């Protein structure tokens, strides 16, 4: 730290102390602010977000993907055992 930074820190610490603010009160301020923000986020998530819609969408996508994979496996397995032979003939004009 530079001398200016140290002096500024001392001045700020003194100004905060003159107003009855120390590290413990700052910690309490921060805790209460964080708790308030978390409570608001939880409320918003529970009351404002369409959780049912999110769950339905997720289930729909997961089911679709699983069905596509299973159908693809079955088709590949079936087609892998099918033999196809082609004969080419010239068509007279």
PDB file of N, CA and C in Angstrom:
ATOM      1  N   UNK A   1       0.840  -1.186   0.000  1.00  0.00           N
ATOM      2  CA  UNK A   1       0.000   0.000   0.000  1.00  0.00           C
ATOM      3  C   UNK A   1       0.884   1.248   0.000  1.00  0.00           C
ATOM      4  N   UNK A   2       0.392   2.223  -0.713  1.00  0.00           N
ATOM      5  CA  UNK A   2       1.140   3.480  -0.721  1.00  0.00           C
ATOM      6  C   UNK A   2       0.787   4.277   0.533  1.00  0.00           C
ATOM      7  N   UNK A   3       1.577   5.283   0.789  1.00  0.00           N
ATOM      8  CA  UNK A   3       1.337   6.139   1.960  1.00  0.00           C
ATOM      9  C   UNK A   3      -0.022   6.811   1.843  1.00  0.00           C
ATOM     10  N   UNK A   4      -0.395   7.218   0.618  1.00  0.00           N
ATOM     11  CA  UNK A   4      -1.699   7.864   0.406  1.00  0.00           C
ATOM     12  C   UNK A   4      -2.842   6.904   0.714  1.00  0.00           C
ATOM     13  N   UNK A   5      -2.684   5.660   0.302  1.00  0.00           N
ATOM     14  CA  UNK A   5      -3.725   4.670   0.563  1.00  0.00           C
ATOM     15  C   UNK A   5      -3.864   4.407   2.059  1.00  0.00           C
ATOM     16  N   UNK A   6      -2.742   4.340   2.743  1.00  0.00           N
ATOM     17  CA  UNK A   6      -2.767   4.116   4.190  1.00  0.00           C
ATOM     18  C   UNK A   6      -3.451   5.282   4.892  1.00  0.00           C
ATOM     19  N   UNK A   7      -3.106   6.492   4.524  1.00  0.00           N
ATOM     20  CA  UNK A   7      -3.721   7.669   5.134  1.00  0.00           C
ATOM     21  C   UNK A   7      -5.214   7.741   4.842  1.00  0.00           C
ATOM     22  N   UNK A   8      -5.583   7.422   3.609  1.00  0.00           N
ATOM     23  CA  UNK A   8      -6.990   7.425   3.247  1.00  0.00           C
ATOM     24  C   UNK A   8      -7.749   6.387   4.063  1.00  0.00           C
ATOM     25  N   UNK A   9      -7.149   5.238   4.238  1.00  0.00           N
ATOM     26  CA  UNK A   9      -7.779   4.183   5.034  1.00  0.00           C
ATOM     27  C   UNK A   9      -7.963   4.634   6.476  1.00  0.00           C
ATOM     28  N   UNK A  10      -6.954   5.284   7.037  1.00  0.00           N
ATOM     29  CA  UNK A  10      -7.054   5.803   8.410  1.00  0.00           C
ATOM     30  C   UNK A  10      -8.178   6.816   8.512  1.00  0.00           C
ATOM     31  N   UNK A  11      -8.248   7.720   7.525  1.00  0.00           N
ATOM     32  CA  UNK A  11      -9.287   8.749   7.542  1.00  0.00           C
ATOM     33  C   UNK A  11     -10.679   8.123   7.453  1.00  0.00           C
ATOM     34  N   UNK A  12     -10.838   7.161   6.559  1.00  0.00           N
ATOM     35  CA  UNK A  12     -12.132   6.509   6.419  1.00  0.00           C
ATOM     36  C   UNK A  12     -12.515   5.741   7.682  1.00  0.00           C
ATOM     37  N   UNK A  13     -11.549   5.058   8.272  1.00  0.00           N
ATOM     38  CA  UNK A  13     -11.803   4.324   9.505  1.00  0.00           C
ATOM     39  C   UNK A  13     -12.241   5.274  10.609  1.00  0.00           C
ATOM     40  N   UNK A  14     -11.582   6.422  10.702  1.00  0.00           N
ATOM     41  CA  UNK A  14     -11.934   7.413  11.722  1.00  0.00           C
ATOM     42  C   UNK A  14     -13.331   7.990  11.460  1.00  0.00           C
ATOM     43  N   UNK A  15     -13.624   8.289  10.197  1.00  0.00           N
ATOM     44  CA  UNK A  15     -14.948   8.832   9.864  1.00  0.00           C
ATOM     45  C   UNK A  15     -16.048   7.829  10.216  1.00  0.00           C
ATOM     46  N   UNK A  16     -15.815   6.556   9.896  1.00  0.00           N
ATOM     47  CA  UNK A  16     -16.800   5.533  10.240  1.00  0.00           C
ATOM     48  C   UNK A  16     -16.940   5.398  11.753  1.00  0.00           C
ATOM     49  N   UNK A  17     -15.812   5.418  12.461  1.00  0.00           N
ATOM     50  CA  UNK A  17     -15.843   5.304  13.924  1.00  0.00           C
ATOM     51  C   UNK A  17     -16.587   6.483  14.536  1.00  0.00           C
ATOM     52  N   UNK A  18     -16.413   7.688  13.978  1.00  0.00           N
ATOM     53  CA  UNK A  18     -17.113   8.873  14.496  1.00  0.00           C
ATOM     54  C   UNK A  18     -18.630   8.712  14.380  1.00  0.00           C
ATOM     55  N   UNK A  19     -19.066   7.896  13.429  1.00  0.00           N
ATOM     56  CA  UNK A  19     -20.499   7.675  13.231  1.00  0.00           C
ATOM     57  C   UNK A  19     -20.971   6.351  13.837  1.00  0.00           C
ATOM     58  N   UNK A  20     -20.127   5.737  14.648  1.00  0.00           N
ATOM     59  CA  UNK A  20     -20.507   4.512  15.342  1.00  0.00           C
ATOM     60  C   UNK A  20     -20.495   3.265  14.472  1.00  0.00           C
ATOM     61  N   UNK A  21     -19.727   3.302  13.407  1.00  0.00           N
ATOM     62  CA  UNK A  21     -19.663   2.154  12.512  1.00  0.00           C
ATOM     63  C   UNK A  21     -18.281   1.516  12.618  1.00  0.00           C
ATOM     64  N   UNK A  22     -18.280   0.218  12.928  1.00  0.00           N
ATOM     65  CA  UNK A  22     -17.022  -0.526  12.965  1.00  0.00           C
ATOM     66  C   UNK A  22     -17.187  -1.806  12.161  1.00  0.00           C
ATOM     67  N   UNK A  23     -16.210  -2.676  12.225  1.00  0.00           N
ATOM     68  CA  UNK A  23     -16.275  -3.898  11.414  1.00  0.00           C
ATOM     69  C   UNK A  23     -17.484  -4.755  11.760  1.00  0.00           C
ATOM     70  N   UNK A  24     -17.814  -4.844  13.035  1.00  0.00           N
ATOM     71  CA  UNK A  24     -18.953  -5.678  13.445  1.00  0.00           C
ATOM     72  C   UNK A  24     -20.267  -5.121  12.915  1.00  0.00           C
ATOM     73  N   UNK A  25     -20.438  -3.800  12.956  1.00  0.00           N
ATOM     74  CA  UNK A  25     -21.688  -3.239  12.439  1.00  0.00           C
ATOM     75  C   UNK A  25     -21.752  -3.392  10.918  1.00  0.00           C
ATOM     76  N   UNK A  26     -20.620  -3.301  10.260  1.00  0.00           N
ATOM     77  CA  UNK A  26     -20.598  -3.495   8.802  1.00  0.00           C
ATOM     78  C   UNK A  26     -20.966  -4.935   8.475  1.00  0.00           C
ATOM     79  N   UNK A  27     -20.457  -5.892   9.234  1.00  0.00           N
ATOM     80  CA  UNK A  27     -20.791  -7.294   9.015  1.00  0.00           C
ATOM     81  C   UNK A  27     -22.295  -7.499   9.185  1.00  0.00           C
ATOM     82  N   UNK A  28     -22.875  -6.888  10.217  1.00  0.00           N
ATOM     83  CA  UNK A  28     -24.319  -7.001  10.431  1.00  0.00           C
ATOM     84  C   UNK A  28     -25.096  -6.374   9.274  1.00  0.00           C
ATOM     85  N   UNK A  29     -24.638  -5.212   8.774  1.00  0.00           N
ATOM     86  CA  UNK A  29     -25.290  -4.577   7.626  1.00  0.00           C
ATOM     87  C   UNK A  29     -25.284  -5.525   6.426  1.00  0.00           C
ATOM     88  N   UNK A  30     -24.121  -6.078   6.162  1.00  0.00           N
ATOM     89  CA  UNK A  30     -23.966  -6.951   4.999  1.00  0.00           C
ATOM     90  C   UNK A  30     -24.846  -8.193   5.143  1.00  0.00           C
ATOM     91  N   UNK A  31     -24.862  -8.784   6.348  1.00  0.00           N
ATOM     92  CA  UNK A  31     -25.689  -9.969   6.574  1.00  0.00           C
ATOM     93  C   UNK A  31     -27.157  -9.668   6.335  1.00  0.00           C
ATOM     94  N   UNK A  32     -27.630  -8.547   6.853  1.00  0.00           N
ATOM     95  CA  UNK A  32     -29.052  -8.220   6.683  1.00  0.00           C
ATOM     96  C   UNK A  32     -29.374  -7.939   5.218  1.00  0.00           C
ATOM     97  N   UNK A  33     -28.475  -7.281   4.502  1.00  0.00           N
ATOM     98  CA  UNK A  33     -28.698  -7.010   3.078  1.00  0.00           C
ATOM     99  C   UNK A  33     -28.728  -8.312   2.286  1.00  0.00           C
ATOM    100  N   UNK A  34     -27.790  -9.215   2.563  1.00  0.00           N
ATOM    101  CA  UNK A  34     -27.742 -10.493   1.862  1.00  0.00           C
ATOM    102  C   UNK A  34     -28.998 -11.304   2.166  1.00  0.00           C
ATOM    103  N   UNK A  35     -29.420 -11.339   3.428  1.00  0.00           N
ATOM    104  CA  UNK A  35     -30.634 -12.075   3.795  1.00  0.00           C
ATOM    105  C   UNK A  35     -31.844 -11.518   3.058  1.00  0.00           C
ATOM    106  N   UNK A  36     -31.937 -10.203   2.979  1.00  0.00           N
ATOM    107  CA  UNK A  36     -33.054  -9.568   2.278  1.00  0.00           C
ATOM    108  C   UNK A  36     -33.056  -9.941   0.796  1.00  0.00           C
ATOM    109  N   UNK A  37     -31.879  -9.893   0.177  1.00  0.00           N
ATOM    110  CA  UNK A  37     -31.769 -10.249  -1.243  1.00  0.00           C
ATOM    111  C   UNK A  37     -32.146 -11.713  -1.479  1.00  0.00           C
ATOM    112  N   UNK A  38     -31.702 -12.602  -0.600  1.00  0.00           N
ATOM    113  CA  UNK A  38     -32.007 -14.022  -0.737  1.00  0.00           C
ATOM    114  C   UNK A  38     -33.505 -14.256  -0.573  1.00  0.00           C
ATOM    115  N   UNK A  39     -34.116 -13.606   0.414  1.00  0.00           N
ATOM    116  CA  UNK A  39     -35.562 -13.754   0.610  1.00  0.00           C
ATOM    117  C   UNK A  39     -36.338 -13.263  -0.603  1.00  0.00           C
ATOM    118  N   UNK A  40     -35.926 -12.145  -1.177  1.00  0.00           N
ATOM    119  CA  UNK A  40     -36.594 -11.631  -2.377  1.00  0.00           C
ATOM    120  C   UNK A  40     -36.440 -12.603  -3.540  1.00  0.00           C
ATOM    121  N   UNK A  41     -35.246 -13.159  -3.698  1.00  0.00           N
ATOM    122  CA  UNK A  41     -35.002 -14.107  -4.792  1.00  0.00           C
ATOM    123  C   UNK A  41     -35.839 -15.368  -4.616  1.00  0.00           C
ATOM    124  N   UNK A  42     -35.938 -15.853  -3.389  1.00  0.00           N
ATOM    125  CA  UNK A  42     -36.751 -17.039  -3.121  1.00  0.00           C
ATOM    126  C   UNK A  42     -38.218 -16.738  -3.403  1.00  0.00           C
ATOM    127  N   UNK A  43     -38.703 -15.601  -2.930  1.00  0.00           N
ATOM    128  CA  UNK A  43     -40.101 -15.224  -3.171  1.00  0.00           C
ATOM    129  C   UNK A  43     -40.380 -15.139  -4.669  1.00  0.00           C
ATOM    130  N   UNK A  44     -39.482 -14.466  -5.386  1.00  0.00           N
ATOM    131  CA  UNK A  44     -39.663 -14.314  -6.830  1.00  0.00           C
ATOM    132  C   UNK A  44     -39.666 -15.668  -7.519  1.00  0.00           C
ATOM    133  N   UNK A  45     -38.760 -16.551  -7.110  1.00  0.00           N
ATOM    134  CA  UNK A  45     -38.681 -17.875  -7.717  1.00  0.00           C
ATOM    135  C   UNK A  45     -39.952 -18.669  -7.453  1.00  0.00           C
ATOM    136  N   UNK A  46     -40.437 -18.618  -6.226  1.00  0.00           N
ATOM    137  CA  UNK A  46     -41.604 -19.409  -5.861  1.00  0.00           C
ATOM    138  C   UNK A  46     -42.888 -18.828  -6.442  1.00  0.00           C
ATOM    139  N   UNK A  47     -43.029 -17.496  -6.419  1.00  0.00           N
ATOM    140  CA  UNK A  47     -44.296 -16.881  -6.794  1.00  0.00           C
ATOM    141  C   UNK A  47     -44.370 -16.344  -8.216  1.00  0.00           C
ATOM    142  N   UNK A  48     -43.275 -15.981  -8.787  1.00  0.00           N
ATOM    143  CA  UNK A  48     -43.325 -15.337 -10.088  1.00  0.00           C
ATOM    144  C   UNK A  48     -42.875 -16.239 -11.232  1.00  0.00           C
ATOM    145  N   UNK A  49     -42.041 -17.207 -10.949  1.00  0.00           N
ATOM    146  CA  UNK A  49     -41.532 -18.081 -12.001  1.00  0.00           C
ATOM    147  C   UNK A  49     -42.523 -19.228 -12.202  1.00  0.00           C
ATOM    148  N   UNK A  50     -42.795 -19.550 -13.435  1.00  0.00           N
ATOM    149  CA  UNK A  50     -43.712 -20.636 -13.761  1.00  0.00           C
ATOM    150  C   UNK A  50     -42.969 -21.959 -13.637  1.00  0.00           C
ATOM    151  N   UNK A  51     -42.874 -22.443 -12.405  1.00  0.00           N
ATOM    152  CA  UNK A  51     -42.126 -23.672 -12.142  1.00  0.00           C
ATOM    153  C   UNK A  51     -42.786 -24.853 -12.833  1.00  0.00           C
ATOM    154  N   UNK A  52     -44.139 -24.894 -12.807  1.00  0.00           N
ATOM    155  CA  UNK A  52     -44.832 -26.003 -13.476  1.00  0.00           C
ATOM    156  C   UNK A  52     -44.487 -26.034 -14.965  1.00  0.00           C
ATOM    157  N   UNK A  53     -44.472 -24.862 -15.583  1.00  0.00           N
ATOM    158  CA  UNK A  53     -44.121 -24.789 -17.000  1.00  0.00           C
ATOM    159  C   UNK A  53     -42.696 -25.233 -17.256  1.00  0.00           C
ATOM    160  N   UNK A  54     -41.794 -24.833 -16.369  1.00  0.00           N
ATOM    161  CA  UNK A  54     -40.399 -25.245 -16.519  1.00  0.00           C
ATOM    162  C   UNK A  54     -40.273 -26.761 -16.398  1.00  0.00           C
ATOM    163  N   UNK A  55     -40.965 -27.337 -15.413  1.00  0.00           N
ATOM    164  CA  UNK A  55     -40.904 -28.787 -15.210  1.00  0.00           C
ATOM    165  C   UNK A  55     -41.505 -29.496 -16.417  1.00  0.00           C
ATOM    166  N   UNK A  56     -42.680 -29.018 -16.896  1.00  0.00           N
ATOM    167  CA  UNK A  56     -43.308 -29.633 -18.064  1.00  0.00           C
ATOM    168  C   UNK A  56     -42.386 -29.585 -19.273  1.00  0.00           C
ATOM    169  N   UNK A  57     -41.778 -28.434 -19.501  1.00  0.00           N
ATOM    170  CA  UNK A  57     -40.864 -28.290 -20.633  1.00  0.00           C
ATOM    171  C   UNK A  57     -39.672 -29.217 -20.525  1.00  0.00           C
ATOM    172  N   UNK A  58     -39.110 -29.315 -19.332  1.00  0.00           N
ATOM    173  CA  UNK A  58     -37.956 -30.184 -19.122  1.00  0.00           C
ATOM    174  C   UNK A  58     -38.337 -31.644 -19.331  1.00  0.00           C
ATOM    175  N   UNK A  59     -39.481 -32.045 -18.773  1.00  0.00           N
ATOM    176  CA  UNK A  59     -39.937 -33.430 -18.935  1.00  0.00           C
ATOM    177  C   UNK A  59     -40.212 -33.717 -20.405  1.00  0.00           C
ATOM    178  N   UNK A  60     -40.844 -32.769 -21.101  1.00  0.00           N
ATOM    179  CA  UNK A  60     -41.159 -32.959 -22.518  1.00  0.00           C
ATOM    180  C   UNK A  60     -39.871 -33.150 -23.324  1.00  0.00           C
ATOM    181  N   UNK A  61     -38.892 -32.282 -23.101  1.00  0.00           N
ATOM    182  CA  UNK A  61     -37.636 -32.377 -23.851  1.00  0.00           C
ATOM    183  C   UNK A  61     -36.882 -33.659 -23.528  1.00  0.00           C
ATOM    184  N   UNK A  62     -36.835 -34.030 -22.258  1.00  0.00           N
ATOM    185  CA  UNK A  62     -36.128 -35.244 -21.851  1.00  0.00           C
ATOM    186  C   UNK A  62     -36.800 -36.480 -22.442  1.00  0.00           C
ATOM    187  N   UNK A  63     -38.129 -36.508 -22.403  1.00  0.00           N
ATOM    188  CA  UNK A  63     -38.875 -37.632 -22.974  1.00  0.00           C
ATOM    189  C   UNK A  63     -38.659 -37.717 -24.478  1.00  0.00           C
ATOM    190  N   UNK A  64     -38.729 -36.568 -25.145  1.00  0.00           N
ATOM    191  CA  UNK A  64     -38.529 -36.533 -26.606  1.00  0.00           C
ATOM    192  C   UNK A  64     -37.148 -37.061 -26.969  1.00  0.00           C
ATOM    193  N   UNK A  65     -36.132 -36.588 -26.255  1.00  0.00           N
ATOM    194  CA  UNK A  65     -34.763 -37.017 -26.532  1.00  0.00           C
ATOM    195  C   UNK A  65     -34.600 -38.518 -26.287  1.00  0.00           C
ATOM    196  N   UNK A  66     -35.165 -39.023 -25.190  1.00  0.00           N
ATOM    197  CA  UNK A  66     -35.041 -40.446 -24.865  1.00  0.00           C
ATOM    198  C   UNK A  66     -35.743 -41.298 -25.917  1.00  0.00           C
ATOM    199  N   UNK A  67     -36.940 -40.874 -26.334  1.00  0.00           N
ATOM    200  CA  UNK A  67     -37.664 -41.624 -27.361  1.00  0.00           C
ATOM    201  C   UNK A  67     -36.903 -41.620 -28.682  1.00  0.00           C
ATOM    202  N   UNK A  68     -36.362 -40.479 -29.074  1.00  0.00           N
ATOM    203  CA  UNK A  68     -35.595 -40.408 -30.318  1.00  0.00           C
ATOM    204  C   UNK A  68     -34.404 -41.359 -30.278  1.00  0.00           C
ATOM    205  N   UNK A  69     -33.713 -41.374 -29.157  1.00  0.00           N
ATOM    206  CA  UNK A  69     -32.548 -42.251 -29.037  1.00  0.00           C
ATOM    207  C   UNK A  69     -32.946 -43.722 -29.124  1.00  0.00           C
ATOM    208  N   UNK A  70     -34.016 -44.093 -28.428  1.00  0.00           N
ATOM    209  CA  UNK A  70     -34.449 -45.498 -28.441  1.00  0.00           C
ATOM    210  C   UNK A  70     -34.944 -45.923 -29.819  1.00  0.00           C
ATOM    211  N   UNK A  71     -35.733 -45.067 -30.468  1.00  0.00           N
ATOM    212  CA  UNK A  71     -36.219 -45.394 -31.805  1.00  0.00           C
ATOM    213  C   UNK A  71     -35.039 -45.506 -32.768  1.00  0.00           C
ATOM    214  N   UNK A  72     -34.089 -44.589 -32.667  1.00  0.00           N
ATOM    215  CA  UNK A  72     -32.904 -44.655 -33.537  1.00  0.00           C
ATOM    216  C   UNK A  72     -32.145 -45.959 -33.334  1.00  0.00           C
ATOM    217  N   UNK A  73     -31.981 -46.387 -32.080  1.00  0.00           N
ATOM    218  CA  UNK A  73     -31.280 -47.641 -31.798  1.00  0.00           C
ATOM    219  C   UNK A  73     -32.009 -48.823 -32.425  1.00  0.00           C
ATOM    220  N   UNK A  74     -33.340 -48.858 -32.266  1.00  0.00           N
ATOM    221  CA  UNK A  74     -34.122 -49.974 -32.800  1.00  0.00           C
ATOM    222  C   UNK A  74     -34.069 -49.996 -34.325  1.00  0.00           C
ATOM    223  N   UNK A  75     -34.183 -48.833 -34.958  1.00  0.00           N
ATOM    224  CA  UNK A  75     -34.127 -48.765 -36.422  1.00  0.00           C
ATOM    225  C   UNK A  75     -32.760 -49.202 -36.912  1.00  0.00           C
ATOM    226  N   UNK A  76     -31.705 -48.731 -36.272  1.00  0.00           N
ATOM    227  CA  UNK A  76     -30.359 -49.136 -36.686  1.00  0.00           C
ATOM    228  C   UNK A  76     -30.167 -50.636 -36.521  1.00  0.00           C
ATOM    229  N   UNK A  77     -30.654 -51.174 -35.408  1.00  0.00           N
ATOM    230  CA  UNK A  77     -30.505 -52.612 -35.164  1.00  0.00           C
ATOM    231  C   UNK A  77     -31.264 -53.407 -36.219  1.00  0.00           C
ATOM    232  N   UNK A  78     -32.466 -52.951 -36.545  1.00  0.00           N
ATOM    233  CA  UNK A  78     -33.268 -53.660 -37.550  1.00  0.00           C
ATOM    234  C   UNK A  78     -32.641 -53.546 -38.921  1.00  0.00           C
ATOM    235  N   UNK A  79     -32.231 -52.354 -39.300  1.00  0.00           N
ATOM    236  CA  UNK A  79     -31.663 -52.154 -40.632  1.00  0.00           C
ATOM    237  C   UNK A  79     -30.284 -52.788 -40.779  1.00  0.00           C
ATOM    238  N   UNK A  80     -29.592 -52.971 -39.679  1.00  0.00           N
ATOM    239  CA  UNK A  80     -28.266 -53.587 -39.793  1.00  0.00           C
ATOM    240  C   UNK A  80     -28.371 -55.067 -40.159  1.00  0.00           C
ATOM    241  N   UNK A  81     -29.498 -55.695 -39.884  1.00  0.00           N
ATOM    242  CA  UNK A  81     -29.659 -57.102 -40.227  1.00  0.00           C
ATOM    243  C   UNK A  81     -30.393 -57.294 -41.555  1.00  0.00           C
ATOM    244  N   UNK A  82     -30.752 -56.215 -42.214  1.00  0.00           N
ATOM    245  CA  UNK A  82     -31.443 -56.302 -43.504  1.00  0.00           C
ATOM    246  C   UNK A  82     -30.401 -56.263 -44.608  1.00  0.00           C
ATOM    247  N   UNK A  83     -30.578 -57.149 -45.544  1.00  0.00           N
ATOM    248  CA  UNK A  83     -29.652 -57.206 -46.664  1.00  0.00           C
ATOM    249  C   UNK A  83     -30.372 -56.688 -47.900  1.00  0.00           C
ATOM    250  N   UNK A  84     -29.747 -55.817 -48.631  1.00  0.00           N
ATOM    251  CA  UNK A  84     -30.337 -55.251 -49.840  1.00  0.00           C
ATOM    252  C   UNK A  84     -29.365 -55.488 -50.988  1.00  0.00           C
ATOM    253  N   UNK A  85     -29.899 -56.040 -52.091  1.00  0.00           N
ATOM    254  CA  UNK A  85     -29.063 -56.193 -53.272  1.00  0.00           C
ATOM    255  C   UNK A  85     -29.751 -55.463 -54.410  1.00  0.00           C
ATOM    256  N   UNK A  86     -28.981 -54.821 -55.217  1.00  0.00           N
ATOM    257  CA  UNK A  86     -29.504 -54.037 -56.339  1.00  0.00           C
ATOM    258  C   UNK A  86     -28.901 -54.552 -57.633  1.00  0.00           C
ATOM    259  N   UNK A  87     -29.735 -54.588 -58.638  1.00  0.00           N
ATOM    260  CA  UNK A  87     -29.258 -54.932 -59.976  1.00  0.00           C
ATOM    261  C   UNK A  87     -29.608 -53.776 -60.875  1.00  0.00           C
ATOM    262  N   UNK A  88     -28.692 -53.421 -61.698  1.00  0.00           N
ATOM    263  CA  UNK A  88     -28.919 -52.307 -62.624  1.00  0.00           C
ATOM    264  C   UNK A  88     -28.991 -52.853 -64.045  1.00  0.00           C
ATOM    265  N   UNK A  89     -29.986 -52.454 -64.766  1.00  0.00           N
ATOM    266  CA  UNK A  89     -30.176 -52.881 -66.159  1.00  0.00           C
ATOM    267  C   UNK A  89     -30.358 -51.630 -67.005  1.00  0.00           C
ATOM    268  N   UNK A  90     -29.824 -51.714 -68.156  1.00  0.00           N
ATOM    269  CA  UNK A  90     -29.997 -50.612 -69.098  1.00  0.00           C
ATOM    270  C   UNK A  90     -31.386 -50.703 -69.685  1.00  0.00           C
ATOM    271  N   UNK A  91     -32.043 -49.610 -69.727  1.00  0.00           N
ATOM    272  CA  UNK A  91     -33.400 -49.579 -70.283  1.00  0.00           C
ATOM    273  C   UNK A  91     -33.309 -49.283 -71.754  1.00  0.00           C
ATOM    274  N   UNK A  92     -33.873 -50.147 -72.621  1.00  0.00           N
ATOM    275  CA  UNK A  92     -33.823 -49.882 -74.060  1.00  0.00           C
ATOM    276  C   UNK A  92     -34.680 -48.657 -74.400  1.00  0.00           C
ATOM    277  N   UNK A  93     -34.221 -47.946 -75.401  1.00  0.00           N
ATOM    278  CA  UNK A  93     -34.970 -46.747 -75.803  1.00  0.00           C
ATOM    279  C   UNK A  93     -35.868 -46.989 -76.939  1.00  0.00           C
TER     280      UNK A  93
END
